[in-house]
Full PDB file with SEQRES, HELIX, SHEET, SSBOND, CRYST1, ORIGX, SCALE, CONECT and MASTER records, all heavy atoms in Angstrom:
SEQRES   1 A   40  LEU THR ASP GLY TRP GLY GLY TYR ASN THR LEU PRO GLU          
SEQRES   2 A   40  TYR ASN TYR ILE HIS SER LYS ILE ILE LEU SER SER SER          
SEQRES   3 A   40  GLY ASP PRO ALA HIS VAL LEU MET PRO GLY VAL HIS ARG          
SEQRES   4 A   40  ILE                                                          
HELIX    1 AA1 GLY A    6  TYR A    8  5                                   3    
HELIX    2 AA2 LEU A   11  TYR A   14  5                                   4    
HELIX    3 AA3 LEU A   23  SER A   25  5                                   3    
HELIX    4 AA4 ALA A   30  LEU A   33  1                                   4    
HELIX    5 AA5 PRO A   35  ARG A   39  1                                   5    
CRYST1    1.000    1.000    1.000  90.00  90.00  90.00 P 1           1          
ORIGX1      1.000000  0.000000  0.000000        0.00000                         
ORIGX2      0.000000  1.000000  0.000000        0.00000                         
ORIGX3      0.000000  0.000000  1.000000        0.00000                         
SCALE1      1.000000  0.000000  0.000000        0.00000                         
SCALE2      0.000000  1.000000  0.000000        0.00000                         
SCALE3      0.000000  0.000000  1.000000        0.00000                         
ATOM      1  N   LEU A   1    -126.861  26.547-128.520  1.00  0.00           N  
ATOM      2  CA  LEU A   1    -127.121  27.431-127.393  1.00  0.00           C  
ATOM      3  C   LEU A   1    -128.613  27.751-127.338  1.00  0.00           C  
ATOM      4  O   LEU A   1    -129.184  28.218-128.327  1.00  0.00           O  
ATOM      5  CB  LEU A   1    -126.322  28.718-127.504  1.00  0.00           C  
ATOM      6  CG  LEU A   1    -124.811  28.668-127.305  1.00  0.00           C  
ATOM      7  CD1 LEU A   1    -124.139  28.161-128.591  1.00  0.00           C  
ATOM      8  CD2 LEU A   1    -124.262  30.023-126.925  1.00  0.00           C  
ATOM      9  N   THR A   2    -129.236  27.510-126.213  1.00  0.00           N  
ATOM     10  CA  THR A   2    -130.651  27.838-126.024  1.00  0.00           C  
ATOM     11  C   THR A   2    -130.820  28.505-124.667  1.00  0.00           C  
ATOM     12  O   THR A   2    -129.864  28.541-123.865  1.00  0.00           O  
ATOM     13  CB  THR A   2    -131.560  26.596-126.075  1.00  0.00           C  
ATOM     14  OG1 THR A   2    -131.353  25.812-124.863  1.00  0.00           O  
ATOM     15  CG2 THR A   2    -131.237  25.731-127.275  1.00  0.00           C  
ATOM     16  N   ASP A   3    -132.015  28.995-124.404  1.00  0.00           N  
ATOM     17  CA  ASP A   3    -132.306  29.465-123.057  1.00  0.00           C  
ATOM     18  C   ASP A   3    -132.673  28.240-122.216  1.00  0.00           C  
ATOM     19  O   ASP A   3    -132.445  27.095-122.625  1.00  0.00           O  
ATOM     20  CB  ASP A   3    -133.387  30.538-123.054  1.00  0.00           C  
ATOM     21  CG  ASP A   3    -134.724  30.034-123.631  1.00  0.00           C  
ATOM     22  OD1 ASP A   3    -134.884  28.814-123.789  1.00  0.00           O  
ATOM     23  OD2 ASP A   3    -135.587  30.888-123.917  1.00  0.00           O  
ATOM     24  N   GLY A   4    -133.266  28.443-121.063  1.00  0.00           N  
ATOM     25  CA  GLY A   4    -133.540  27.345-120.173  1.00  0.00           C  
ATOM     26  C   GLY A   4    -134.799  26.568-120.449  1.00  0.00           C  
ATOM     27  O   GLY A   4    -135.185  25.702-119.640  1.00  0.00           O  
ATOM     28  N   TRP A   5    -135.469  26.832-121.547  1.00  0.00           N  
ATOM     29  CA  TRP A   5    -136.728  26.154-121.856  1.00  0.00           C  
ATOM     30  C   TRP A   5    -136.536  24.646-121.979  1.00  0.00           C  
ATOM     31  O   TRP A   5    -135.632  24.168-122.668  1.00  0.00           O  
ATOM     32  CB  TRP A   5    -137.326  26.722-123.134  1.00  0.00           C  
ATOM     33  CG  TRP A   5    -138.614  26.094-123.559  1.00  0.00           C  
ATOM     34  CD1 TRP A   5    -138.841  25.370-124.688  1.00  0.00           C  
ATOM     35  CD2 TRP A   5    -139.855  26.140-122.860  1.00  0.00           C  
ATOM     36  NE1 TRP A   5    -140.158  24.935-124.742  1.00  0.00           N  
ATOM     37  CE2 TRP A   5    -140.807  25.398-123.627  1.00  0.00           C  
ATOM     38  CE3 TRP A   5    -140.281  26.697-121.650  1.00  0.00           C  
ATOM     39  CZ2 TRP A   5    -142.128  25.238-123.234  1.00  0.00           C  
ATOM     40  CZ3 TRP A   5    -141.598  26.539-121.246  1.00  0.00           C  
ATOM     41  CH2 TRP A   5    -142.505  25.813-122.043  1.00  0.00           C  
ATOM     42  N   GLY A   6    -137.409  23.853-121.332  1.00  0.00           N  
ATOM     43  CA  GLY A   6    -137.274  22.412-121.279  1.00  0.00           C  
ATOM     44  C   GLY A   6    -137.473  21.711-122.598  1.00  0.00           C  
ATOM     45  O   GLY A   6    -137.135  20.519-122.730  1.00  0.00           O  
ATOM     46  N   GLY A   7    -138.052  22.390-123.596  1.00  0.00           N  
ATOM     47  CA  GLY A   7    -138.295  21.750-124.876  1.00  0.00           C  
ATOM     48  C   GLY A   7    -137.029  21.313-125.591  1.00  0.00           C  
ATOM     49  O   GLY A   7    -137.068  20.479-126.508  1.00  0.00           O  
ATOM     50  N   TYR A   8    -135.863  21.854-125.153  1.00  0.00           N  
ATOM     51  CA  TYR A   8    -134.609  21.508-125.799  1.00  0.00           C  
ATOM     52  C   TYR A   8    -133.784  20.488-124.988  1.00  0.00           C  
ATOM     53  O   TYR A   8    -132.650  20.158-125.371  1.00  0.00           O  
ATOM     54  CB  TYR A   8    -133.757  22.761-125.971  1.00  0.00           C  
ATOM     55  CG  TYR A   8    -134.388  23.813-126.872  1.00  0.00           C  
ATOM     56  CD1 TYR A   8    -134.987  24.931-126.318  1.00  0.00           C  
ATOM     57  CD2 TYR A   8    -134.387  23.670-128.256  1.00  0.00           C  
ATOM     58  CE1 TYR A   8    -135.577  25.904-127.120  1.00  0.00           C  
ATOM     59  CE2 TYR A   8    -134.956  24.633-129.063  1.00  0.00           C  
ATOM     60  CZ  TYR A   8    -135.558  25.752-128.493  1.00  0.00           C  
ATOM     61  OH  TYR A   8    -136.137  26.707-129.299  1.00  0.00           O  
ATOM     62  N   ASN A   9    -134.313  20.004-123.887  1.00  0.00           N  
ATOM     63  CA  ASN A   9    -133.521  19.196-122.952  1.00  0.00           C  
ATOM     64  C   ASN A   9    -132.982  17.905-123.527  1.00  0.00           C  
ATOM     65  O   ASN A   9    -131.959  17.382-123.048  1.00  0.00           O  
ATOM     66  CB  ASN A   9    -134.356  18.898-121.706  1.00  0.00           C  
ATOM     67  CG  ASN A   9    -134.478  20.102-120.788  1.00  0.00           C  
ATOM     68  OD1 ASN A   9    -133.784  21.094-120.967  1.00  0.00           O  
ATOM     69  ND2 ASN A   9    -135.369  20.030-119.817  1.00  0.00           N  
ATOM     70  N   THR A  10    -133.643  17.368-124.538  1.00  0.00           N  
ATOM     71  CA  THR A  10    -133.192  16.050-125.077  1.00  0.00           C  
ATOM     72  C   THR A  10    -132.157  16.187-126.181  1.00  0.00           C  
ATOM     73  O   THR A  10    -131.747  15.166-126.775  1.00  0.00           O  
ATOM     74  CB  THR A  10    -134.403  15.258-125.608  1.00  0.00           C  
ATOM     75  OG1 THR A  10    -135.038  15.986-126.655  1.00  0.00           O  
ATOM     76  CG2 THR A  10    -135.401  14.992-124.493  1.00  0.00           C  
ATOM     77  N   LEU A  11    -131.685  17.381-126.469  1.00  0.00           N  
ATOM     78  CA  LEU A  11    -130.716  17.554-127.562  1.00  0.00           C  
ATOM     79  C   LEU A  11    -129.465  16.695-127.391  1.00  0.00           C  
ATOM     80  O   LEU A  11    -128.945  16.162-128.379  1.00  0.00           O  
ATOM     81  CB  LEU A  11    -130.339  19.036-127.707  1.00  0.00           C  
ATOM     82  CG  LEU A  11    -131.382  19.931-128.378  1.00  0.00           C  
ATOM     83  CD1 LEU A  11    -130.912  21.372-128.375  1.00  0.00           C  
ATOM     84  CD2 LEU A  11    -131.641  19.467-129.806  1.00  0.00           C  
ATOM     85  N   PRO A  12    -128.917  16.541-126.177  1.00  0.00           N  
ATOM     86  CA  PRO A  12    -127.732  15.684-126.035  1.00  0.00           C  
ATOM     87  C   PRO A  12    -127.939  14.256-126.502  1.00  0.00           C  
ATOM     88  O   PRO A  12    -126.993  13.575-126.924  1.00  0.00           O  
ATOM     89  CB  PRO A  12    -127.428  15.748-124.531  1.00  0.00           C  
ATOM     90  CG  PRO A  12    -127.953  17.087-124.114  1.00  0.00           C  
ATOM     91  CD  PRO A  12    -129.224  17.251-124.914  1.00  0.00           C  
ATOM     92  N   GLU A  13    -129.180  13.779-126.444  1.00  0.00           N  
ATOM     93  CA  GLU A  13    -129.481  12.423-126.913  1.00  0.00           C  
ATOM     94  C   GLU A  13    -129.294  12.275-128.412  1.00  0.00           C  
ATOM     95  O   GLU A  13    -129.178  11.164-128.933  1.00  0.00           O  
ATOM     96  CB  GLU A  13    -130.914  12.036-126.531  1.00  0.00           C  
ATOM     97  CG  GLU A  13    -131.171  12.028-125.033  1.00  0.00           C  
ATOM     98  CD  GLU A  13    -132.620  11.749-124.711  1.00  0.00           C  
ATOM     99  OE1 GLU A  13    -133.352  11.269-125.619  1.00  0.00           O  
ATOM    100  OE2 GLU A  13    -133.042  12.001-123.561  1.00  0.00           O  
ATOM    101  N   TYR A  14    -129.254  13.404-129.116  1.00  0.00           N  
ATOM    102  CA  TYR A  14    -129.099  13.409-130.572  1.00  0.00           C  
ATOM    103  C   TYR A  14    -127.709  13.900-130.978  1.00  0.00           C  
ATOM    104  O   TYR A  14    -127.504  14.377-132.085  1.00  0.00           O  
ATOM    105  CB  TYR A  14    -130.191  14.260-131.204  1.00  0.00           C  
ATOM    106  CG  TYR A  14    -131.582  13.746-130.964  1.00  0.00           C  
ATOM    107  CD1 TYR A  14    -132.287  14.123-129.817  1.00  0.00           C  
ATOM    108  CD2 TYR A  14    -132.175  12.852-131.840  1.00  0.00           C  
ATOM    109  CE1 TYR A  14    -133.550  13.627-129.562  1.00  0.00           C  
ATOM    110  CE2 TYR A  14    -133.446  12.349-131.602  1.00  0.00           C  
ATOM    111  CZ  TYR A  14    -134.132  12.719-130.451  1.00  0.00           C  
ATOM    112  OH  TYR A  14    -135.396  12.238-130.202  1.00  0.00           O  
ATOM    113  N   ASN A  15    -126.756  13.750-130.062  1.00  0.00           N  
ATOM    114  CA  ASN A  15    -125.342  14.072-130.328  1.00  0.00           C  
ATOM    115  C   ASN A  15    -125.091  15.560-130.569  1.00  0.00           C  
ATOM    116  O   ASN A  15    -124.309  15.935-131.439  1.00  0.00           O  
ATOM    117  CB  ASN A  15    -124.812  13.258-131.514  1.00  0.00           C  
ATOM    118  CG  ASN A  15    -124.826  11.772-131.255  1.00  0.00           C  
ATOM    119  OD1 ASN A  15    -124.462  11.329-130.162  1.00  0.00           O  
ATOM    120  ND2 ASN A  15    -125.236  10.994-132.235  1.00  0.00           N  
ATOM    121  N   TYR A  16    -125.774  16.397-129.762  1.00  0.00           N  
ATOM    122  CA  TYR A  16    -125.487  17.825-129.768  1.00  0.00           C  
ATOM    123  C   TYR A  16    -124.887  18.238-128.452  1.00  0.00           C  
ATOM    124  O   TYR A  16    -125.206  17.656-127.402  1.00  0.00           O  
ATOM    125  CB  TYR A  16    -126.749  18.634-130.031  1.00  0.00           C  
ATOM    126  CG  TYR A  16    -127.313  18.451-131.410  1.00  0.00           C  
ATOM    127  CD1 TYR A  16    -128.430  17.628-131.622  1.00  0.00           C  
ATOM    128  CD2 TYR A  16    -126.742  19.075-132.523  1.00  0.00           C  
ATOM    129  CE1 TYR A  16    -128.930  17.424-132.898  1.00  0.00           C  
ATOM    130  CE2 TYR A  16    -127.269  18.899-133.790  1.00  0.00           C  
ATOM    131  CZ  TYR A  16    -128.351  18.060-133.969  1.00  0.00           C  
ATOM    132  OH  TYR A  16    -128.854  17.873-135.234  1.00  0.00           O  
ATOM    133  N   ILE A  17    -124.010  19.216-128.483  1.00  0.00           N  
ATOM    134  CA  ILE A  17    -123.495  19.826-127.249  1.00  0.00           C  
ATOM    135  C   ILE A  17    -124.474  20.925-126.878  1.00  0.00           C  
ATOM    136  O   ILE A  17    -124.541  21.956-127.550  1.00  0.00           O  
ATOM    137  CB  ILE A  17    -122.087  20.398-127.482  1.00  0.00           C  
ATOM    138  CG1 ILE A  17    -121.145  19.306-127.978  1.00  0.00           C  
ATOM    139  CG2 ILE A  17    -121.566  21.026-126.210  1.00  0.00           C  
ATOM    140  CD1 ILE A  17    -119.813  19.852-128.475  1.00  0.00           C  
ATOM    141  N   HIS A  18    -125.237  20.706-125.842  1.00  0.00           N  
ATOM    142  CA  HIS A  18    -126.302  21.625-125.478  1.00  0.00           C  
ATOM    143  C   HIS A  18    -125.829  22.573-124.372  1.00  0.00           C  
ATOM    144  O   HIS A  18    -125.558  22.128-123.269  1.00  0.00           O  
ATOM    145  CB  HIS A  18    -127.538  20.841-125.010  1.00  0.00           C  
ATOM    146  CG  HIS A  18    -128.726  21.733-124.742  1.00  0.00           C  
ATOM    147  ND1 HIS A  18    -129.769  21.336-123.946  1.00  0.00           N  
ATOM    148  CD2 HIS A  18    -129.012  23.002-125.149  1.00  0.00           C  
ATOM    149  CE1 HIS A  18    -130.656  22.325-123.885  1.00  0.00           C  
ATOM    150  NE2 HIS A  18    -130.212  23.328-124.600  1.00  0.00           N  
ATOM    151  N   SER A  19    -125.752  23.848-124.705  1.00  0.00           N  
ATOM    152  CA  SER A  19    -125.361  24.864-123.725  1.00  0.00           C  
ATOM    153  C   SER A  19    -126.570  25.725-123.402  1.00  0.00           C  
ATOM    154  O   SER A  19    -127.166  26.319-124.298  1.00  0.00           O  
ATOM    155  CB  SER A  19    -124.231  25.745-124.276  1.00  0.00           C  
ATOM    156  OG  SER A  19    -123.079  24.988-124.548  1.00  0.00           O  
ATOM    157  N   LYS A  20    -126.935  25.752-122.127  1.00  0.00           N  
ATOM    158  CA  LYS A  20    -128.093  26.540-121.699  1.00  0.00           C  
ATOM    159  C   LYS A  20    -127.665  27.889-121.165  1.00  0.00           C  
ATOM    160  O   LYS A  20    -126.689  27.979-120.410  1.00  0.00           O  
ATOM    161  CB  LYS A  20    -128.892  25.806-120.628  1.00  0.00           C  
ATOM    162  CG  LYS A  20    -129.601  24.553-121.084  1.00  0.00           C  
ATOM    163  CD  LYS A  20    -130.435  23.997-119.952  1.00  0.00           C  
ATOM    164  CE  LYS A  20    -131.159  22.739-120.351  1.00  0.00           C  
ATOM    165  NZ  LYS A  20    -132.013  22.212-119.240  1.00  0.00           N  
ATOM    166  N   ILE A  21    -128.389  28.898-121.547  1.00  0.00           N  
ATOM    167  CA  ILE A  21    -128.188  30.234-121.011  1.00  0.00           C  
ATOM    168  C   ILE A  21    -129.442  30.603-120.205  1.00  0.00           C  
ATOM    169  O   ILE A  21    -130.515  30.834-120.769  1.00  0.00           O  
ATOM    170  CB  ILE A  21    -127.971  31.272-122.141  1.00  0.00           C  
ATOM    171  CG1 ILE A  21    -126.748  30.890-122.970  1.00  0.00           C  
ATOM    172  CG2 ILE A  21    -127.795  32.665-121.576  1.00  0.00           C  
ATOM    173  CD1 ILE A  21    -126.508  31.761-124.181  1.00  0.00           C  
ATOM    174  N   ILE A  22    -129.309  30.612-118.900  1.00  0.00           N  
ATOM    175  CA  ILE A  22    -130.465  30.879-118.024  1.00  0.00           C  
ATOM    176  C   ILE A  22    -130.638  32.390-117.898  1.00  0.00           C  
ATOM    177  O   ILE A  22    -129.876  33.073-117.200  1.00  0.00           O  
ATOM    178  CB  ILE A  22    -130.276  30.226-116.650  1.00  0.00           C  
ATOM    179  CG1 ILE A  22    -129.912  28.754-116.801  1.00  0.00           C  
ATOM    180  CG2 ILE A  22    -131.555  30.403-115.817  1.00  0.00           C  
ATOM    181  CD1 ILE A  22    -130.931  27.937-117.553  1.00  0.00           C  
ATOM    182  N   LEU A  23    -131.602  32.914-118.602  1.00  0.00           N  
ATOM    183  CA  LEU A  23    -131.767  34.357-118.672  1.00  0.00           C  
ATOM    184  C   LEU A  23    -132.190  34.949-117.346  1.00  0.00           C  
ATOM    185  O   LEU A  23    -131.758  36.047-116.957  1.00  0.00           O  
ATOM    186  CB  LEU A  23    -132.821  34.706-119.745  1.00  0.00           C  
ATOM    187  CG  LEU A  23    -132.523  34.158-121.149  1.00  0.00           C  
ATOM    188  CD1 LEU A  23    -133.639  34.565-122.094  1.00  0.00           C  
ATOM    189  CD2 LEU A  23    -131.193  34.720-121.665  1.00  0.00           C  
ATOM    190  N   SER A  24    -133.042  34.237-116.599  1.00  0.00           N  
ATOM    191  CA  SER A  24    -133.580  34.783-115.345  1.00  0.00           C  
ATOM    192  C   SER A  24    -132.521  34.973-114.271  1.00  0.00           C  
ATOM    193  O   SER A  24    -132.662  35.825-113.389  1.00  0.00           O  
ATOM    194  CB  SER A  24    -134.705  33.897-114.811  1.00  0.00           C  
ATOM    195  OG  SER A  24    -134.216  32.588-114.565  1.00  0.00           O  
ATOM    196  N   SER A  25    -131.447  34.188-114.342  1.00  0.00           N  
ATOM    197  CA  SER A  25    -130.426  34.269-113.295  1.00  0.00           C  
ATOM    198  C   SER A  25    -129.269  35.192-113.688  1.00  0.00           C  
ATOM    199  O   SER A  25    -128.288  35.287-112.977  1.00  0.00           O  
ATOM    200  CB  SER A  25    -129.890  32.864-112.982  1.00  0.00           C  
ATOM    201  OG  SER A  25    -129.269  32.317-114.139  1.00  0.00           O  
ATOM    202  N   SER A  26    -129.402  35.806-114.866  1.00  0.00           N  
ATOM    203  CA  SER A  26    -128.325  36.677-115.336  1.00  0.00           C  
ATOM    204  C   SER A  26    -128.780  38.142-115.201  1.00  0.00           C  
ATOM    205  O   SER A  26    -129.930  38.474-115.310  1.00  0.00           O  
ATOM    206  CB  SER A  26    -128.001  36.360-116.787  1.00  0.00           C  
ATOM    207  OG  SER A  26    -127.121  37.330-117.340  1.00  0.00           O  
ATOM    208  N   GLY A  27    -127.812  38.977-115.020  1.00  0.00           N  
ATOM    209  CA  GLY A  27    -128.097  40.405-114.938  1.00  0.00           C  
ATOM    210  C   GLY A  27    -128.190  41.082-116.294  1.00  0.00           C  
ATOM    211  O   GLY A  27    -128.545  42.256-116.406  1.00  0.00           O  
ATOM    212  N   ASP A  28    -127.853  40.316-117.369  1.00  0.00           N  
ATOM    213  CA  ASP A  28    -127.864  40.886-118.727  1.00  0.00           C  
ATOM    214  C   ASP A  28    -129.190  40.615-119.402  1.00  0.00           C  
ATOM    215  O   ASP A  28    -129.820  39.571-119.181  1.00  0.00           O  
ATOM    216  CB  ASP A  28    -126.732  40.270-119.565  1.00  0.00           C  
ATOM    217  CG  ASP A  28    -125.357  40.693-119.066  1.00  0.00           C  
ATOM    218  OD1 ASP A  28    -125.229  41.842-118.649  1.00  0.00           O  
ATOM    219  OD2 ASP A  28    -124.454  39.844-119.096  1.00  0.00           O  
ATOM    220  N   PRO A  29    -129.635  41.520-120.274  1.00  0.00           N  
ATOM    221  CA  PRO A  29    -130.887  41.282-121.019  1.00  0.00           C  
ATOM    222  C   PRO A  29    -130.713  40.197-122.037  1.00  0.00           C  
ATOM    223  O   PRO A  29    -129.590  39.819-122.421  1.00  0.00           O  
ATOM    224  CB  PRO A  29    -131.151  42.655-121.683  1.00  0.00           C  
ATOM    225  CG  PRO A  29    -129.803  43.305-121.762  1.00  0.00           C  
ATOM    226  CD  PRO A  29    -129.051  42.842-120.554  1.00  0.00           C  
ATOM    227  N   ALA A  30    -131.854  39.659-122.528  1.00  0.00           N  
ATOM    228  CA  ALA A  30    -131.825  38.520-123.444  1.00  0.00           C  
ATOM    229  C   ALA A  30    -131.078  38.827-124.739  1.00  0.00           C  
ATOM    230  O   ALA A  30    -130.368  37.992-125.254  1.00  0.00           O  
ATOM    231  CB  ALA A  30    -133.256  38.087-123.754  1.00  0.00           C  
ATOM    232  N   HIS A  31    -131.208  40.043-125.245  1.00  0.00           N  
ATOM    233  CA  HIS A  31    -130.575  40.362-126.527  1.00  0.00           C  
ATOM    234  C   HIS A  31    -129.055  40.449-126.412  1.00  0.00           C  
ATOM    235  O   HIS A  31    -128.361  40.425-127.427  1.00  0.00           O  
ATOM    236  CB  HIS A  31    -131.146  41.655-127.113  1.00  0.00           C  
ATOM    237  CG  HIS A  31    -130.741  42.893-126.364  1.00  0.00           C  
ATOM    238  ND1 HIS A  31    -131.451  43.383-125.297  1.00  0.00           N  
ATOM    239  CD2 HIS A  31    -129.686  43.737-126.519  1.00  0.00           C  
ATOM    240  CE1 HIS A  31    -130.865  44.490-124.849  1.00  0.00           C  
ATOM    241  NE2 HIS A  31    -129.791  44.706-125.560  1.00  0.00           N  
ATOM    242  N   VAL A  32    -128.540  40.568-125.189  1.00  0.00           N  
ATOM    243  CA  VAL A  32    -127.095  40.555-124.969  1.00  0.00           C  
ATOM    244  C   VAL A  32    -126.586  39.132-124.833  1.00  0.00           C  
ATOM    245  O   VAL A  32    -125.541  38.781-125.386  1.00  0.00           O  
ATOM    246  CB  VAL A  32    -126.730  41.376-123.723  1.00  0.00           C  
ATOM    247  CG1 VAL A  32    -125.242  41.227-123.388  1.00  0.00           C  
ATOM    248  CG2 VAL A  32    -127.076  42.850-123.937  1.00  0.00           C  
ATOM    249  N   LEU A  33    -127.333  38.291-124.134  1.00  0.00           N  
ATOM    250  CA  LEU A  33    -126.922  36.914-123.917  1.00  0.00           C  
ATOM    251  C   LEU A  33    -127.085  36.051-125.175  1.00  0.00           C  
ATOM    252  O   LEU A  33    -126.295  35.125-125.420  1.00  0.00           O  
ATOM    253  CB  LEU A  33    -127.722  36.313-122.773  1.00  0.00           C  
ATOM    254  CG  LEU A  33    -127.460  36.959-121.397  1.00  0.00           C  
ATOM    255  CD1 LEU A  33    -128.438  36.395-120.375  1.00  0.00           C  
ATOM    256  CD2 LEU A  33    -126.032  36.742-120.964  1.00  0.00           C  
ATOM    257  N   MET A  34    -128.114  36.323-125.942  1.00  0.00           N  
ATOM    258  CA  MET A  34    -128.371  35.574-127.165  1.00  0.00           C  
ATOM    259  C   MET A  34    -128.603  36.561-128.299  1.00  0.00           C  
ATOM    260  O   MET A  34    -129.727  36.728-128.799  1.00  0.00           O  
ATOM    261  CB  MET A  34    -129.554  34.634-126.986  1.00  0.00           C  
ATOM    262  CG  MET A  34    -129.363  33.611-125.893  1.00  0.00           C  
ATOM    263  SD  MET A  34    -130.706  32.386-125.807  1.00  0.00           S  
ATOM    264  CE  MET A  34    -130.465  31.487-127.325  1.00  0.00           C  
ATOM    265  N   PRO A  35    -127.550  37.227-128.761  1.00  0.00           N  
ATOM    266  CA  PRO A  35    -127.711  38.323-129.723  1.00  0.00           C  
ATOM    267  C   PRO A  35    -128.179  37.856-131.107  1.00  0.00           C  
ATOM    268  O   PRO A  35    -128.876  38.585-131.807  1.00  0.00           O  
ATOM    269  CB  PRO A  35    -126.319  38.940-129.798  1.00  0.00           C  
ATOM    270  CG  PRO A  35    -125.396  37.819-129.427  1.00  0.00           C  
ATOM    271  CD  PRO A  35    -126.127  37.034-128.383  1.00  0.00           C  
ATOM    272  N   GLY A  36    -127.769  36.649-131.514  1.00  0.00           N  
ATOM    273  CA  GLY A  36    -128.070  36.204-132.865  1.00  0.00           C  
ATOM    274  C   GLY A  36    -129.550  36.055-133.130  1.00  0.00           C  
ATOM    275  O   GLY A  36    -130.111  36.662-134.054  1.00  0.00           O  
ATOM    276  N   VAL A  37    -130.221  35.240-132.313  1.00  0.00           N  
ATOM    277  CA  VAL A  37    -131.635  34.989-132.550  1.00  0.00           C  
ATOM    278  C   VAL A  37    -132.476  36.248-132.362  1.00  0.00           C  
ATOM    279  O   VAL A  37    -133.473  36.458-133.056  1.00  0.00           O  
ATOM    280  CB  VAL A  37    -132.161  33.858-131.641  1.00  0.00           C  
ATOM    281  CG1 VAL A  37    -131.609  32.515-132.086  1.00  0.00           C  
ATOM    282  CG2 VAL A  37    -131.817  34.120-130.180  1.00  0.00           C  
ATOM    283  N   HIS A  38    -132.077  37.106-131.410  1.00  0.00           N  
ATOM    284  CA  HIS A  38    -132.855  38.338-131.204  1.00  0.00           C  
ATOM    285  C   HIS A  38    -132.669  39.327-132.343  1.00  0.00           C  
ATOM    286  O   HIS A  38    -133.593  40.039-132.712  1.00  0.00           O  
ATOM    287  CB  HIS A  38    -132.481  38.959-129.848  1.00  0.00           C  
ATOM    288  CG  HIS A  38    -133.049  38.244-128.675  1.00  0.00           C  
ATOM    289  ND1 HIS A  38    -132.434  37.134-128.109  1.00  0.00           N  
ATOM    290  CD2 HIS A  38    -134.198  38.423-127.977  1.00  0.00           C  
ATOM    291  CE1 HIS A  38    -133.159  36.682-127.101  1.00  0.00           C  
ATOM    292  NE2 HIS A  38    -134.242  37.442-127.010  1.00  0.00           N  
ATOM    293  N   ARG A  39    -131.478  39.361-132.915  1.00  0.00           N  
ATOM    294  CA  ARG A  39    -131.259  40.210-134.072  1.00  0.00           C  
ATOM    295  C   ARG A  39    -132.077  39.721-135.278  1.00  0.00           C  
ATOM    296  O   ARG A  39    -132.717  40.522-135.983  1.00  0.00           O  
ATOM    297  CB  ARG A  39    -129.761  40.238-134.442  1.00  0.00           C  
ATOM    298  CG  ARG A  39    -129.435  40.981-135.729  1.00  0.00           C  
ATOM    299  CD  ARG A  39    -129.652  42.466-135.587  1.00  0.00           C  
ATOM    300  NE  ARG A  39    -128.773  43.043-134.605  1.00  0.00           N  
ATOM    301  CZ  ARG A  39    -127.509  43.412-134.843  1.00  0.00           C  
ATOM    302  NH1 ARG A  39    -126.994  43.246-136.059  1.00  0.00           N  
ATOM    303  NH2 ARG A  39    -126.780  43.943-133.876  1.00  0.00           N  
ATOM    304  N   ILE A  40    -132.067  38.418-135.511  1.00  0.00           N  
ATOM    305  CA  ILE A  40    -132.832  37.857-136.625  1.00  0.00           C  
ATOM    306  C   ILE A  40    -134.309  38.105-136.434  1.00  0.00           C  
ATOM    307  O   ILE A  40    -135.024  38.487-137.366  1.00  0.00           O  
ATOM    308  CB  ILE A  40    -132.567  36.351-136.769  1.00  0.00           C  
ATOM    309  CG1 ILE A  40    -131.089  36.079-137.057  1.00  0.00           C  
ATOM    310  CG2 ILE A  40    -133.437  35.757-137.864  1.00  0.00           C  
ATOM    311  CD1 ILE A  40    -130.561  36.768-138.310  1.00  0.00           C  
TER     312      ILE A  40                                                      
MASTER        0    0    0    5    0    0    0    6  311    1    0    4          
END                                                                             
């Protein structure tokens, strides 16, 4: 799971299931949508 940054776009080519969370289009803050990395 990543945000919409393009640096991760090629992950599917390496056999990963890439799920994007577009923060700008969501009404929730980043720490709610991606709690793990923000907590760390």
